[in-house]
PDB file of N, CA and C in Angstrom:
ATOM      1  N   MET A   1      42.542 116.889  51.909  1.00  0.00           N
ATOM      2  CA  MET A   1      42.910 116.798  53.163  1.00  0.00           C
ATOM      3  C   MET A   1      40.896 116.979  54.558  1.00  0.00           C
ATOM      4  N   ASN A   2      39.967 116.473  55.042  1.00  0.00           N
ATOM      5  CA  ASN A   2      39.657 116.707  55.702  1.00  0.00           C
ATOM      6  C   ASN A   2      39.551 117.154  56.811  1.00  0.00           C
ATOM      7  N   TYR A   3      38.795 118.478  56.713  1.00  0.00           N
ATOM      8  CA  TYR A   3      38.983 119.769  57.104  1.00  0.00           C
ATOM      9  C   TYR A   3      37.605 119.975  58.368  1.00  0.00           C
ATOM     10  N   PRO A   4      37.692 119.927  59.768  1.00  0.00           N
ATOM     11  CA  PRO A   4      37.480 119.639  61.037  1.00  0.00           C
ATOM     12  C   PRO A   4      36.302 120.911  60.899  1.00  0.00           C
ATOM     13  N   VAL A   5      34.852 120.598  61.289  1.00  0.00           N
ATOM     14  CA  VAL A   5      34.151 121.984  60.873  1.00  0.00           C
ATOM     15  C   VAL A   5      34.057 123.063  61.739  1.00  0.00           C
ATOM     16  N   PHE A   6      34.605 123.875  62.789  1.00  0.00           N
ATOM     17  CA  PHE A   6      34.943 124.633  63.440  1.00  0.00           C
ATOM     18  C   PHE A   6      35.237 125.453  62.119  1.00  0.00           C
ATOM     19  N   ILE A   7      36.386 124.600  61.897  1.00  0.00           N
ATOM     20  CA  ILE A   7      37.461 125.867  60.778  1.00  0.00           C
ATOM     21  C   ILE A   7      35.866 126.494  59.737  1.00  0.00           C
ATOM     22  N   PHE A   8      34.985 125.852  58.935  1.00  0.00           N
ATOM     23  CA  PHE A   8      33.889 126.430  58.474  1.00  0.00           C
ATOM     24  C   PHE A   8      33.173 127.388  59.478  1.00  0.00           C
ATOM     25  N   HIS A   9      32.431 126.787  60.823  1.00  0.00           N
ATOM     26  CA  HIS A   9      31.909 128.244  61.774  1.00  0.00           C
ATOM     27  C   HIS A   9      32.991 129.017  62.035  1.00  0.00           C
ATOM     28  N   GLU A  10      34.411 129.207  61.888  1.00  0.00           N
ATOM     29  CA  GLU A  10      34.544 130.587  62.993  1.00  0.00           C
ATOM     30  C   GLU A  10      34.764 131.157  60.930  1.00  0.00           C
ATOM     31  N   LEU A  11      34.928 130.224  59.640  1.00  0.00           N
ATOM     32  CA  LEU A  11      35.173 131.429  58.202  1.00  0.00           C
ATOM     33  C   LEU A  11      34.195 131.915  58.342  1.00  0.00           C
ATOM     34  N   VAL A  12      32.527 131.325  58.028  1.00  0.00           N
ATOM     35  CA  VAL A  12      31.294 132.015  58.440  1.00  0.00           C
ATOM     36  C   VAL A  12      30.877 133.425  59.861  1.00  0.00           C
ATOM     37  N   LEU A  13      31.795 132.615  60.878  1.00  0.00           N
ATOM     38  CA  LEU A  13      31.996 134.625  61.892  1.00  0.00           C
ATOM     39  C   LEU A  13      32.653 134.521  61.620  1.00  0.00           C
ATOM     40  N   ARG A  14      33.930 135.179  61.160  1.00  0.00           N
ATOM     41  CA  ARG A  14      34.328 136.070  60.433  1.00  0.00           C
ATOM     42  C   ARG A  14      33.427 136.645  59.874  1.00  0.00           C
ATOM     43  N   PHE A  15      33.746 136.119  58.379  1.00  0.00           N
ATOM     44  CA  PHE A  15      32.466 136.103  57.147  1.00  0.00           C
ATOM     45  C   PHE A  15      31.724 137.718  58.052  1.00  0.00           C
ATOM     46  N   SER A  16      30.831 137.423  58.901  1.00  0.00           N
ATOM     47  CA  SER A  16      29.331 137.639  59.999  1.00  0.00           C
ATOM     48  C   SER A  16      29.355 139.701  60.081  1.00  0.00           C
ATOM     49  N   ASP A  17      31.380 139.200  60.264  1.00  0.00           N
ATOM     50  CA  ASP A  17      31.500 140.714  60.908  1.00  0.00           C
ATOM     51  C   ASP A  17      31.887 141.211  59.891  1.00  0.00           C
ATOM     52  N   VAL A  18      31.541 141.181  58.740  1.00  0.00           N
ATOM     53  CA  VAL A  18      31.934 141.970  57.332  1.00  0.00           C
ATOM     54  C   VAL A  18      30.821 142.175  57.115  1.00  0.00           C
ATOM     55  N   ASN A  19      29.250 140.964  56.867  1.00  0.00           N
ATOM     56  CA  ASN A  19      28.388 140.536  56.376  1.00  0.00           C
ATOM     57  C   ASN A  19      27.459 140.254  57.328  1.00  0.00           C
ATOM     58  N   ARG A  20      26.503 140.866  57.821  1.00  0.00           N
ATOM     59  CA  ARG A  20      25.361 140.537  58.699  1.00  0.00           C
ATOM     60  C   ARG A  20      24.963 139.782  57.948  1.00  0.00           C
ATOM     61  N   GLY A  21      24.338 139.622  56.975  1.00  0.00           N
ATOM     62  CA  GLY A  21      23.499 138.864  55.537  1.00  0.00           C
ATOM     63  C   GLY A  21      24.126 137.832  55.638  1.00  0.00           C
ATOM     64  N   ILE A  22      25.474 137.455  55.819  1.00  0.00           N
ATOM     65  CA  ILE A  22      25.566 136.115  55.648  1.00  0.00           C
ATOM     66  C   ILE A  22      25.414 134.790  56.631  1.00  0.00           C
ATOM     67  N   GLY A  23      23.796 135.062  57.692  1.00  0.00           N
ATOM     68  CA  GLY A  23      23.687 133.753  58.682  1.00  0.00           C
ATOM     69  C   GLY A  23      24.708 132.672  59.560  1.00  0.00           C
ATOM     70  N   ARG A  24      24.498 131.934  59.649  1.00  0.00           N
ATOM     71  CA  ARG A  24      24.539 130.717  60.175  1.00  0.00           C
ATOM     72  C   ARG A  24      25.397 129.605  59.177  1.00  0.00           C
ATOM     73  N   TYR A  25      26.670 128.662  59.607  1.00  0.00           N
ATOM     74  CA  TYR A  25      27.374 128.344  58.908  1.00  0.00           C
ATOM     75  C   TYR A  25      25.570 126.121  58.934  1.00  0.00           C
ATOM     76  N   ILE A  26      26.011 125.640  58.100  1.00  0.00           N
ATOM     77  CA  ILE A  26      25.438 124.393  57.260  1.00  0.00           C
ATOM     78  C   ILE A  26      26.231 123.315  57.090  1.00  0.00           C
ATOM     79  N   SER A  27      26.606 123.566  55.897  1.00  0.00           N
ATOM     80  CA  SER A  27      26.737 122.822  55.404  1.00  0.00           C
ATOM     81  C   SER A  27      27.998 122.733  54.696  1.00  0.00           C
ATOM     82  N   ALA A  28      29.037 122.126  54.275  1.00  0.00           N
ATOM     83  CA  ALA A  28      30.098 122.377  53.588  1.00  0.00           C
ATOM     84  C   ALA A  28      30.464 121.576  52.235  1.00  0.00           C
ATOM     85  N   THR A  29      31.139 122.349  51.648  1.00  0.00           N
ATOM     86  CA  THR A  29      30.984 120.905  50.481  1.00  0.00           C
ATOM     87  C   THR A  29      33.120 121.592  49.727  1.00  0.00           C
ATOM     88  N   ILE A  30      33.882 120.406  49.063  1.00  0.00           N
ATOM     89  CA  ILE A  30      34.952 121.153  48.877  1.00  0.00           C
ATOM     90  C   ILE A  30      35.111 119.863  47.178  1.00  0.00           C
ATOM     91  N   ASP A  31      35.140 120.872  46.347  1.00  0.00           N
ATOM     92  CA  ASP A  31      35.232 119.595  45.140  1.00  0.00           C
ATOM     93  C   ASP A  31      35.873 120.769  43.562  1.00  0.00           C
ATOM     94  N   ASN A  32      36.434 120.396  43.457  1.00  0.00           N
ATOM     95  CA  ASN A  32      37.336 121.350  42.141  1.00  0.00           C
ATOM     96  C   ASN A  32      38.362 121.795  43.454  1.00  0.00           C
ATOM     97  N   GLY A  33      39.651 121.859  43.950  1.00  0.00           N
ATOM     98  CA  GLY A  33      40.196 122.759  44.923  1.00  0.00           C
ATOM     99  C   GLY A  33      38.955 124.416  45.387  1.00  0.00           C
ATOM    100  N   GLU A  34      38.590 124.484  45.322  1.00  0.00           N
ATOM    101  CA  GLU A  34      37.267 125.284  45.708  1.00  0.00           C
ATOM    102  C   GLU A  34      36.467 124.796  47.365  1.00  0.00           C
ATOM    103  N   CYS A  35      35.644 125.228  48.451  1.00  0.00           N
ATOM    104  CA  CYS A  35      35.090 125.310  48.836  1.00  0.00           C
ATOM    105  C   CYS A  35      33.581 125.943  49.196  1.00  0.00           C
ATOM    106  N   LEU A  36      32.420 125.039  49.547  1.00  0.00           N
ATOM    107  CA  LEU A  36      30.914 125.757  49.088  1.00  0.00           C
ATOM    108  C   LEU A  36      30.500 125.761  50.347  1.00  0.00           C
ATOM    109  N   ILE A  37      30.234 127.557  51.013  1.00  0.00           N
ATOM    110  CA  ILE A  37      30.100 127.362  52.519  1.00  0.00           C
ATOM    111  C   ILE A  37      28.780 127.023  52.660  1.00  0.00           C
ATOM    112  N   ASN A  38      27.734 126.179  52.936  1.00  0.00           N
ATOM    113  CA  ASN A  38      26.578 127.048  52.687  1.00  0.00           C
ATOM    114  C   ASN A  38      26.361 127.639  53.983  1.00  0.00           C
ATOM    115  N   THR A  39      24.815 128.896  53.969  1.00  0.00           N
ATOM    116  CA  THR A  39      24.460 128.867  55.487  1.00  0.00           C
ATOM    117  C   THR A  39      22.759 129.152  55.490  1.00  0.00           C
ATOM    118  N   THR A  40      23.143 129.838  56.467  1.00  0.00           N
ATOM    119  CA  THR A  40      21.248 130.456  56.358  1.00  0.00           C
ATOM    120  C   THR A  40      20.701 130.772  55.355  1.00  0.00           C
ATOM    121  N   THR A  41      20.985 131.435  54.535  1.00  0.00           N
ATOM    122  CA  THR A  41      20.825 132.730  53.860  1.00  0.00           C
ATOM    123  C   THR A  41      21.454 132.700  52.430  1.00  0.00           C
ATOM    124  N   GLY A  42      22.123 132.074  52.332  1.00  0.00           N
ATOM    125  CA  GLY A  42      23.109 131.590  51.119  1.00  0.00           C
ATOM    126  C   GLY A  42      24.297 130.844  50.789  1.00  0.00           C
ATOM    127  N   HIS A  43      25.157 130.561  49.485  1.00  0.00           N
ATOM    128  CA  HIS A  43      26.306 130.547  49.728  1.00  0.00           C
ATOM    129  C   HIS A  43      27.909 131.689  49.162  1.00  0.00           C
ATOM    130  N   ILE A  44      28.924 130.375  49.994  1.00  0.00           N
ATOM    131  CA  ILE A  44      30.206 131.158  50.165  1.00  0.00           C
ATOM    132  C   ILE A  44      31.257 130.246  49.023  1.00  0.00           C
ATOM    133  N   LYS A  45      32.289 130.954  47.858  1.00  0.00           N
ATOM    134  CA  LYS A  45      33.146 129.584  47.791  1.00  0.00           C
ATOM    135  C   LYS A  45      34.502 130.289  48.628  1.00  0.00           C
ATOM    136  N   VAL A  46      34.981 129.258  48.784  1.00  0.00           N
ATOM    137  CA  VAL A  46      35.876 129.290  49.656  1.00  0.00           C
ATOM    138  C   VAL A  46      37.189 128.891  49.301  1.00  0.00           C
ATOM    139  N   ALA A  47      38.602 129.447  48.304  1.00  0.00           N
ATOM    140  CA  ALA A  47      39.412 128.886  48.412  1.00  0.00           C
ATOM    141  C   ALA A  47      40.307 127.890  49.435  1.00  0.00           C
ATOM    142  N   LEU A  48      40.874 126.814  48.775  1.00  0.00           N
ATOM    143  CA  LEU A  48      41.295 126.161  50.251  1.00  0.00           C
ATOM    144  C   LEU A  48      42.818 125.805  50.605  1.00  0.00           C
ATOM    145  N   SER A  49      43.273 127.088  49.905  1.00  0.00           N
ATOM    146  CA  SER A  49      43.963 127.760  50.676  1.00  0.00           C
ATOM    147  C   SER A  49      43.854 128.574  51.467  1.00  0.00           C
ATOM    148  N   MET A  50      42.056 129.601  51.528  1.00  0.00           N
ATOM    149  CA  MET A  50      41.746 130.574  52.705  1.00  0.00           C
ATOM    150  C   MET A  50      41.408 128.665  53.588  1.00  0.00           C
ATOM    151  N   LEU A  51      41.231 127.858  53.555  1.00  0.00           N
ATOM    152  CA  LEU A  51      41.315 127.225  54.992  1.00  0.00           C
ATOM    153  C   LEU A  51      42.022 126.510  55.201  1.00  0.00           C
ATOM    154  N   GLU A  52      43.258 126.447  54.133  1.00  0.00           N
ATOM    155  CA  GLU A  52      44.157 125.955  54.552  1.00  0.00           C
ATOM    156  C   GLU A  52      44.190 127.290  56.438  1.00  0.00           C
ATOM    157  N   LYS A  53      44.948 128.367  55.606  1.00  0.00           N
ATOM    158  CA  LYS A  53      45.343 129.721  56.633  1.00  0.00           C
ATOM    159  C   LYS A  53      44.194 129.949  57.716  1.00  0.00           C
ATOM    160  N   GLN A  54      43.564 129.301  57.831  1.00  0.00           N
ATOM    161  CA  GLN A  54      42.032 129.477  59.310  1.00  0.00           C
ATOM    162  C   GLN A  54      43.184 128.304  60.076  1.00  0.00           C
ATOM    163  N   TYR A  55      42.847 127.048  59.093  1.00  0.00           N
ATOM    164  CA  TYR A  55      43.456 125.811  60.011  1.00  0.00           C
ATOM    165  C   TYR A  55      44.837 126.141  60.667  1.00  0.00           C
ATOM    166  N   ASN A  56      45.534 126.659  60.448  1.00  0.00           N
ATOM    167  CA  ASN A  56      47.001 126.737  60.178  1.00  0.00           C
ATOM    168  C   ASN A  56      47.513 128.097  61.373  1.00  0.00           C
ATOM    169  N   ASN A  57      47.060 129.614  61.032  1.00  0.00           N
ATOM    170  CA  ASN A  57      47.419 129.976  61.164  1.00  0.00           C
ATOM    171  C   ASN A  57      46.455 131.684  60.535  1.00  0.00           C
ATOM    172  N   PRO A  58      45.472 131.860  61.491  1.00  0.00           N
ATOM    173  CA  PRO A  58      44.197 132.498  61.230  1.00  0.00           C
ATOM    174  C   PRO A  58      44.506 134.125  60.770  1.00  0.00           C
ATOM    175  N   LYS A  59      45.423 134.462  61.715  1.00  0.00           N
ATOM    176  CA  LYS A  59      45.637 135.647  61.692  1.00  0.00           C
ATOM    177  C   LYS A  59      46.726 136.078  60.289  1.00  0.00           C
ATOM    178  N   LEU A  60      46.909 135.187  59.210  1.00  0.00           N
ATOM    179  CA  LEU A  60      47.229 135.493  58.269  1.00  0.00           C
ATOM    180  C   LEU A  60      46.376 135.431  56.868  1.00  0.00           C
ATOM    181  N   ILE A  61      44.707 135.543  57.978  1.00  0.00           N
ATOM    182  CA  ILE A  61      43.767 136.034  57.572  1.00  0.00           C
ATOM    183  C   ILE A  61      43.426 137.731  56.873  1.00  0.00           C
ATOM    184  N   SER A  62      43.540 138.429  55.894  1.00  0.00           N
ATOM    185  CA  SER A  62      43.893 139.748  56.814  1.00  0.00           C
ATOM    186  C   SER A  62      42.363 140.403  56.105  1.00  0.00           C
ATOM    187  N   LYS A  63      41.834 141.454  56.532  1.00  0.00           N
ATOM    188  CA  LYS A  63      40.481 142.028  56.384  1.00  0.00           C
ATOM    189  C   LYS A  63      39.926 141.957  55.099  1.00  0.00           C
ATOM    190  N   GLU A  64      41.381 142.796  54.379  1.00  0.00           N
ATOM    191  CA  GLU A  64      40.953 142.518  52.743  1.00  0.00           C
ATOM    192  C   GLU A  64      40.031 141.963  52.081  1.00  0.00           C
ATOM    193  N   GLU A  65      40.408 140.065  53.050  1.00  0.00           N
ATOM    194  CA  GLU A  65      40.522 139.476  51.897  1.00  0.00           C
ATOM    195  C   GLU A  65      39.034 138.831  52.366  1.00  0.00           C
ATOM    196  N   LEU A  66      38.830 138.975  53.488  1.00  0.00           N
ATOM    197  CA  LEU A  66      38.020 138.775  54.111  1.00  0.00           C
ATOM    198  C   LEU A  66      36.744 138.655  54.102  1.00  0.00           C
ATOM    199  N   GLN A  67      36.428 140.789  53.964  1.00  0.00           N
ATOM    200  CA  GLN A  67      35.581 141.474  52.620  1.00  0.00           C
ATOM    201  C   GLN A  67      35.644 141.384  51.340  1.00  0.00           C
ATOM    202  N   GLN A  68      36.406 140.804  50.754  1.00  0.00           N
ATOM    203  CA  GLN A  68      36.587 140.697  48.750  1.00  0.00           C
ATOM    204  C   GLN A  68      36.315 139.144  49.422  1.00  0.00           C
ATOM    205  N   LEU A  69      35.911 138.343  50.134  1.00  0.00           N
ATOM    206  CA  LEU A  69      35.445 136.609  49.923  1.00  0.00           C
ATOM    207  C   LEU A  69      33.701 136.898  50.097  1.00  0.00           C
ATOM    208  N   ALA A  70      33.393 138.481  51.503  1.00  0.00           N
ATOM    209  CA  ALA A  70      31.712 138.871  52.096  1.00  0.00           C
ATOM    210  C   ALA A  70      31.877 138.876  50.439  1.00  0.00           C
ATOM    211  N   SER A  71      32.012 139.777  49.707  1.00  0.00           N
ATOM    212  CA  SER A  71      31.373 140.339  49.217  1.00  0.00           C
ATOM    213  C   SER A  71      30.536 139.379  47.377  1.00  0.00           C
ATOM    214  N   GLY A  72      31.359 138.798  47.456  1.00  0.00           N
ATOM    215  CA  GLY A  72      30.847 137.232  46.656  1.00  0.00           C
ATOM    216  C   GLY A  72      30.127 136.588  47.646  1.00  0.00           C
ATOM    217  N   PHE A  73      29.804 136.353  48.418  1.00  0.00           N
ATOM    218  CA  PHE A  73      28.011 135.493  48.910  1.00  0.00           C
ATOM    219  C   PHE A  73      27.177 135.987  48.068  1.00  0.00           C
ATOM    220  N   GLU A  74      26.320 134.300  48.303  1.00  0.00           N
ATOM    221  CA  GLU A  74      25.456 134.461  46.960  1.00  0.00           C
ATOM    222  C   GLU A  74      23.843 134.117  47.844  1.00  0.00           C
ATOM    223  N   ILE A  75      22.750 135.286  47.697  1.00  0.00           N
ATOM    224  CA  ILE A  75      21.522 135.369  49.235  1.00  0.00           C
ATOM    225  C   ILE A  75      20.615 133.629  48.239  1.00  0.00           C
ATOM    226  N   GLY A  76      20.621 133.372  48.219  1.00  0.00           N
ATOM    227  CA  GLY A  76      19.681 131.416  48.041  1.00  0.00           C
ATOM    228  C   GLY A  76      20.125 130.273  48.385  1.00  0.00           C
TER     229      GLY A  76
END
């Protein structure tokens, strides 16, 4: 599926609520069932299921899921 760009922006904003160092959205690539979201300060890997949740019903993404993913943020 081709995801609209606002999905990535929204996820980065939500991750930023957990980790202020994540920065702003730059780009995203999808490969092998995973999405790599690049930001102004690094990147974060997100499962396609998370993109689906954000697209279809963002309320299904718990604060714990956001915290867990944000902890996987890599600077650089």
